[in-house]
Amino acid sequence: MTYYIAELDETQQVIAVWIKEKTARAPRVFDPRKHIFDDAAGAEFFGAPKEKIRNWIARAKA
């Protein structure tokens, strides 16, 4: 299972998304060059709604 953890600023906007993969020891900041966003494979979302996390990741890829 993959965990996506939103980091929020004081206005509750997502400023970073951390990813914790099943085999990883600790979460890391999502990097579109290293990570693949796959919410169909049993992903869980924390800190913000799934849609806000997905939007942040989409902007990071651009």
PDB file of N, CA and C in Angstrom:
ATOM      1  N   MET A   1       0.836  -1.168   0.000  1.00  0.00           N
ATOM      2  CA  MET A   1       0.000   0.000   0.000  1.00  0.00           C
ATOM      3  C   MET A   1       0.887   1.240   0.000  1.00  0.00           C
ATOM      4  N   THR A   2       0.409   2.270  -0.674  1.00  0.00           N
ATOM      5  CA  THR A   2       1.123   3.535  -0.752  1.00  0.00           C
ATOM      6  C   THR A   2       0.336   4.593  -0.004  1.00  0.00           C
ATOM      7  N   TYR A   3       1.052   5.387   0.793  1.00  0.00           N
ATOM      8  CA  TYR A   3       0.430   6.466   1.549  1.00  0.00           C
ATOM      9  C   TYR A   3       0.884   7.800   0.967  1.00  0.00           C
ATOM     10  N   TYR A   4      -0.056   8.700   0.733  1.00  0.00           N
ATOM     11  CA  TYR A   4       0.223  10.051   0.289  1.00  0.00           C
ATOM     12  C   TYR A   4      -0.156  10.979   1.434  1.00  0.00           C
ATOM     13  N   ILE A   5       0.800  11.784   1.880  1.00  0.00           N
ATOM     14  CA  ILE A   5       0.613  12.619   3.057  1.00  0.00           C
ATOM     15  C   ILE A   5       0.809  14.077   2.649  1.00  0.00           C
ATOM     16  N   ALA A   6      -0.245  14.881   2.795  1.00  0.00           N
ATOM     17  CA  ALA A   6      -0.169  16.286   2.415  1.00  0.00           C
ATOM     18  C   ALA A   6       0.437  17.114   3.530  1.00  0.00           C
ATOM     19  N   GLU A   7       1.319  18.014   3.137  1.00  0.00           N
ATOM     20  CA  GLU A   7       1.852  19.010   4.067  1.00  0.00           C
ATOM     21  C   GLU A   7       1.157  20.325   3.718  1.00  0.00           C
ATOM     22  N   LEU A   8       0.554  20.954   4.712  1.00  0.00           N
ATOM     23  CA  LEU A   8      -0.249  22.153   4.488  1.00  0.00           C
ATOM     24  C   LEU A   8       0.426  23.391   5.058  1.00  0.00           C
ATOM     25  N   ASP A   9       0.111  24.549   4.449  1.00  0.00           N
ATOM     26  CA  ASP A   9       0.585  25.806   5.016  1.00  0.00           C
ATOM     27  C   ASP A   9      -0.477  26.354   5.970  1.00  0.00           C
ATOM     28  N   GLU A  10      -0.273  27.566   6.456  1.00  0.00           N
ATOM     29  CA  GLU A  10      -1.196  28.126   7.444  1.00  0.00           C
ATOM     30  C   GLU A  10      -2.579  28.423   6.877  1.00  0.00           C
ATOM     31  N   THR A  11      -2.711  28.477   5.545  1.00  0.00           N
ATOM     32  CA  THR A  11      -4.017  28.697   4.920  1.00  0.00           C
ATOM     33  C   THR A  11      -4.653  27.391   4.458  1.00  0.00           C
ATOM     34  N   GLN A  12      -4.090  26.281   4.885  1.00  0.00           N
ATOM     35  CA  GLN A  12      -4.596  24.935   4.578  1.00  0.00           C
ATOM     36  C   GLN A  12      -4.453  24.551   3.105  1.00  0.00           C
ATOM     37  N   GLN A  13      -3.482  25.165   2.420  1.00  0.00           N
ATOM     38  CA  GLN A  13      -3.179  24.797   1.044  1.00  0.00           C
ATOM     39  C   GLN A  13      -2.048  23.769   1.043  1.00  0.00           C
ATOM     40  N   VAL A  14      -2.103  22.825   0.127  1.00  0.00           N
ATOM     41  CA  VAL A  14      -1.067  21.796   0.029  1.00  0.00           C
ATOM     42  C   VAL A  14       0.203  22.439  -0.518  1.00  0.00           C
ATOM     43  N   ILE A  15       1.293  22.301   0.229  1.00  0.00           N
ATOM     44  CA  ILE A  15       2.576  22.854  -0.226  1.00  0.00           C
ATOM     45  C   ILE A  15       3.568  21.750  -0.570  1.00  0.00           C
ATOM     46  N   ALA A  16       3.283  20.540  -0.139  1.00  0.00           N
ATOM     47  CA  ALA A  16       4.120  19.391  -0.473  1.00  0.00           C
ATOM     48  C   ALA A  16       3.320  18.121  -0.226  1.00  0.00           C
ATOM     49  N   VAL A  17       3.688  17.085  -0.947  1.00  0.00           N
ATOM     50  CA  VAL A  17       3.087  15.767  -0.728  1.00  0.00           C
ATOM     51  C   VAL A  17       4.221  14.796  -0.472  1.00  0.00           C
ATOM     52  N   TRP A  18       4.091  14.087   0.609  1.00  0.00           N
ATOM     53  CA  TRP A  18       5.053  13.062   0.979  1.00  0.00           C
ATOM     54  C   TRP A  18       4.478  11.720   0.564  1.00  0.00           C
ATOM     55  N   ILE A  19       5.337  10.807   0.159  1.00  0.00           N
ATOM     56  CA  ILE A  19       4.909   9.478  -0.248  1.00  0.00           C
ATOM     57  C   ILE A  19       5.615   8.449   0.625  1.00  0.00           C
ATOM     58  N   LYS A  20       4.860   7.501   1.121  1.00  0.00           N
ATOM     59  CA  LYS A  20       5.415   6.393   1.922  1.00  0.00           C
ATOM     60  C   LYS A  20       4.995   5.107   1.229  1.00  0.00           C
ATOM     61  N   GLU A  21       5.947   4.475   0.589  1.00  0.00           N
ATOM     62  CA  GLU A  21       5.673   3.220  -0.098  1.00  0.00           C
ATOM     63  C   GLU A  21       5.864   2.055   0.863  1.00  0.00           C
ATOM     64  N   LYS A  22       5.258   0.953   0.539  1.00  0.00           N
ATOM     65  CA  LYS A  22       5.219  -0.212   1.424  1.00  0.00           C
ATOM     66  C   LYS A  22       6.601  -0.629   1.926  1.00  0.00           C
ATOM     67  N   THR A  23       7.576  -0.652   1.047  1.00  0.00           N
ATOM     68  CA  THR A  23       8.904  -1.145   1.423  1.00  0.00           C
ATOM     69  C   THR A  23       9.844  -0.059   1.956  1.00  0.00           C
ATOM     70  N   ALA A  24       9.408   1.193   1.913  1.00  0.00           N
ATOM     71  CA  ALA A  24      10.276   2.292   2.357  1.00  0.00           C
ATOM     72  C   ALA A  24      10.295   2.382   3.878  1.00  0.00           C
ATOM     73  N   ARG A  25      11.424   2.799   4.410  1.00  0.00           N
ATOM     74  CA  ARG A  25      11.540   2.982   5.859  1.00  0.00           C
ATOM     75  C   ARG A  25      10.827   4.237   6.340  1.00  0.00           C
ATOM     76  N   ALA A  26      10.864   5.277   5.522  1.00  0.00           N
ATOM     77  CA  ALA A  26      10.292   6.562   5.923  1.00  0.00           C
ATOM     78  C   ALA A  26       9.682   7.246   4.698  1.00  0.00           C
ATOM     79  N   PRO A  27       8.768   8.172   4.921  1.00  0.00           N
ATOM     80  CA  PRO A  27       8.197   8.907   3.783  1.00  0.00           C
ATOM     81  C   PRO A  27       9.218   9.860   3.174  1.00  0.00           C
ATOM     82  N   ARG A  28       9.011  10.164   1.900  1.00  0.00           N
ATOM     83  CA  ARG A  28       9.862  11.106   1.172  1.00  0.00           C
ATOM     84  C   ARG A  28       8.956  12.072   0.423  1.00  0.00           C
ATOM     85  N   VAL A  29       9.471  13.253   0.120  1.00  0.00           N
ATOM     86  CA  VAL A  29       8.702  14.209  -0.661  1.00  0.00           C
ATOM     87  C   VAL A  29       8.505  13.630  -2.060  1.00  0.00           C
ATOM     88  N   PHE A  30       7.268  13.698  -2.558  1.00  0.00           N
ATOM     89  CA  PHE A  30       6.953  13.173  -3.882  1.00  0.00           C
ATOM     90  C   PHE A  30       7.764  13.914  -4.931  1.00  0.00           C
ATOM     91  N   ASP A  31       8.460  13.160  -5.762  1.00  0.00           N
ATOM     92  CA  ASP A  31       9.254  13.698  -6.860  1.00  0.00           C
ATOM     93  C   ASP A  31       8.780  13.016  -8.129  1.00  0.00           C
ATOM     94  N   PRO A  32       8.177  13.756  -9.072  1.00  0.00           N
ATOM     95  CA  PRO A  32       7.644  13.117 -10.277  1.00  0.00           C
ATOM     96  C   PRO A  32       8.708  12.434 -11.139  1.00  0.00           C
ATOM     97  N   ARG A  33       9.977  12.748 -10.922  1.00  0.00           N
ATOM     98  CA  ARG A  33      11.035  12.063 -11.667  1.00  0.00           C
ATOM     99  C   ARG A  33      11.356  10.699 -11.065  1.00  0.00           C
ATOM    100  N   LYS A  34      10.987  10.497  -9.790  1.00  0.00           N
ATOM    101  CA  LYS A  34      11.305   9.246  -9.100  1.00  0.00           C
ATOM    102  C   LYS A  34      10.075   8.412  -8.761  1.00  0.00           C
ATOM    103  N   HIS A  35       8.932   9.062  -8.601  1.00  0.00           N
ATOM    104  CA  HIS A  35       7.732   8.374  -8.143  1.00  0.00           C
ATOM    105  C   HIS A  35       6.643   8.391  -9.211  1.00  0.00           C
ATOM    106  N   ILE A  36       5.795   7.394  -9.173  1.00  0.00           N
ATOM    107  CA  ILE A  36       4.643   7.307 -10.060  1.00  0.00           C
ATOM    108  C   ILE A  36       3.395   7.390  -9.205  1.00  0.00           C
ATOM    109  N   PHE A  37       2.505   8.319  -9.562  1.00  0.00           N
ATOM    110  CA  PHE A  37       1.263   8.452  -8.825  1.00  0.00           C
ATOM    111  C   PHE A  37       0.286   7.390  -9.316  1.00  0.00           C
ATOM    112  N   ASP A  38      -0.107   6.510  -8.416  1.00  0.00           N
ATOM    113  CA  ASP A  38      -1.037   5.439  -8.750  1.00  0.00           C
ATOM    114  C   ASP A  38      -2.031   5.290  -7.607  1.00  0.00           C
ATOM    115  N   ASP A  39      -3.183   5.946  -7.753  1.00  0.00           N
ATOM    116  CA  ASP A  39      -4.176   5.883  -6.685  1.00  0.00           C
ATOM    117  C   ASP A  39      -5.104   4.686  -6.810  1.00  0.00           C
ATOM    118  N   ALA A  40      -4.917   3.855  -7.821  1.00  0.00           N
ATOM    119  CA  ALA A  40      -5.767   2.676  -8.002  1.00  0.00           C
ATOM    120  C   ALA A  40      -5.227   1.458  -7.265  1.00  0.00           C
ATOM    121  N   ALA A  41      -3.996   1.507  -6.825  1.00  0.00           N
ATOM    122  CA  ALA A  41      -3.355   0.341  -6.210  1.00  0.00           C
ATOM    123  C   ALA A  41      -3.393   0.414  -4.688  1.00  0.00           C
ATOM    124  N   GLY A  42      -4.549   0.623  -4.118  1.00  0.00           N
ATOM    125  CA  GLY A  42      -4.671   0.617  -2.664  1.00  0.00           C
ATOM    126  C   GLY A  42      -3.995   1.770  -1.967  1.00  0.00           C
ATOM    127  N   ALA A  43      -4.123   2.967  -2.510  1.00  0.00           N
ATOM    128  CA  ALA A  43      -3.502   4.144  -1.907  1.00  0.00           C
ATOM    129  C   ALA A  43      -4.390   4.715  -0.811  1.00  0.00           C
ATOM    130  N   GLU A  44      -3.731   5.336   0.180  1.00  0.00           N
ATOM    131  CA  GLU A  44      -4.445   6.046   1.234  1.00  0.00           C
ATOM    132  C   GLU A  44      -3.923   7.473   1.275  1.00  0.00           C
ATOM    133  N   PHE A  45      -4.814   8.405   1.635  1.00  0.00           N
ATOM    134  CA  PHE A  45      -4.497   9.826   1.614  1.00  0.00           C
ATOM    135  C   PHE A  45      -4.714  10.419   2.994  1.00  0.00           C
ATOM    136  N   PHE A  46      -3.752  11.250   3.423  1.00  0.00           N
ATOM    137  CA  PHE A  46      -3.808  11.865   4.746  1.00  0.00           C
ATOM    138  C   PHE A  46      -3.489  13.351   4.631  1.00  0.00           C
ATOM    139  N   GLY A  47      -4.074  14.154   5.484  1.00  0.00           N
ATOM    140  CA  GLY A  47      -3.754  15.570   5.566  1.00  0.00           C
ATOM    141  C   GLY A  47      -4.597  16.463   4.690  1.00  0.00           C
ATOM    142  N   ALA A  48      -5.120  15.926   3.607  1.00  0.00           N
ATOM    143  CA  ALA A  48      -5.959  16.696   2.684  1.00  0.00           C
ATOM    144  C   ALA A  48      -6.772  15.704   1.858  1.00  0.00           C
ATOM    145  N   PRO A  49      -7.853  16.185   1.253  1.00  0.00           N
ATOM    146  CA  PRO A  49      -8.635  15.294   0.388  1.00  0.00           C
ATOM    147  C   PRO A  49      -7.824  14.785  -0.805  1.00  0.00           C
ATOM    148  N   LYS A  50      -8.185  13.631  -1.275  1.00  0.00           N
ATOM    149  CA  LYS A  50      -7.500  12.984  -2.403  1.00  0.00           C
ATOM    150  C   LYS A  50      -7.379  13.935  -3.591  1.00  0.00           C
ATOM    151  N   GLU A  51      -8.423  14.672  -3.880  1.00  0.00           N
ATOM    152  CA  GLU A  51      -8.417  15.572  -5.037  1.00  0.00           C
ATOM    153  C   GLU A  51      -7.367  16.669  -4.895  1.00  0.00           C
ATOM    154  N   LYS A  52      -7.204  17.235  -3.712  1.00  0.00           N
ATOM    155  CA  LYS A  52      -6.180  18.272  -3.510  1.00  0.00           C
ATOM    156  C   LYS A  52      -4.780  17.692  -3.664  1.00  0.00           C
ATOM    157  N   ILE A  53      -4.576  16.485  -3.168  1.00  0.00           N
ATOM    158  CA  ILE A  53      -3.268  15.834  -3.318  1.00  0.00           C
ATOM    159  C   ILE A  53      -3.006  15.536  -4.782  1.00  0.00           C
ATOM    160  N   ARG A  54      -4.004  15.020  -5.475  1.00  0.00           N
ATOM    161  CA  ARG A  54      -3.859  14.713  -6.907  1.00  0.00           C
ATOM    162  C   ARG A  54      -3.537  15.987  -7.695  1.00  0.00           C
ATOM    163  N   ASN A  55      -4.202  17.095  -7.383  1.00  0.00           N
ATOM    164  CA  ASN A  55      -3.939  18.362  -8.079  1.00  0.00           C
ATOM    165  C   ASN A  55      -2.513  18.846  -7.837  1.00  0.00           C
ATOM    166  N   TRP A  56      -2.021  18.715  -6.596  1.00  0.00           N
ATOM    167  CA  TRP A  56      -0.645  19.152  -6.304  1.00  0.00           C
ATOM    168  C   TRP A  56       0.350  18.319  -7.116  1.00  0.00           C
ATOM    169  N   ILE A  57       0.123  17.021  -7.180  1.00  0.00           N
ATOM    170  CA  ILE A  57       1.016  16.138  -7.942  1.00  0.00           C
ATOM    171  C   ILE A  57       0.980  16.496  -9.429  1.00  0.00           C
ATOM    172  N   ALA A  58      -0.207  16.778  -9.955  1.00  0.00           N
ATOM    173  CA  ALA A  58      -0.322  17.156 -11.362  1.00  0.00           C
ATOM    174  C   ALA A  58       0.462  18.435 -11.650  1.00  0.00           C
ATOM    175  N   ARG A  59       0.391  19.414 -10.737  1.00  0.00           N
ATOM    176  CA  ARG A  59       1.160  20.655 -10.920  1.00  0.00           C
ATOM    177  C   ARG A  59       2.662  20.394 -10.813  1.00  0.00           C
ATOM    178  N   ALA A  60       3.064  19.470  -9.958  1.00  0.00           N
ATOM    179  CA  ALA A  60       4.489  19.163  -9.795  1.00  0.00           C
ATOM    180  C   ALA A  60       5.060  18.519 -11.053  1.00  0.00           C
ATOM    181  N   LYS A  61       4.241  17.801 -11.784  1.00  0.00           N
ATOM    182  CA  LYS A  61       4.691  17.157 -13.022  1.00  0.00           C
ATOM    183  C   LYS A  61       4.883  18.160 -14.150  1.00  0.00           C
ATOM    184  N   ALA A  62       4.205  19.289 -14.080  1.00  0.00           N
ATOM    185  CA  ALA A  62       4.254  20.289 -15.164  1.00  0.00           C
ATOM    186  C   ALA A  62       5.552  21.053 -15.185  1.00  0.00           C
TER     187      ALA A  62
END
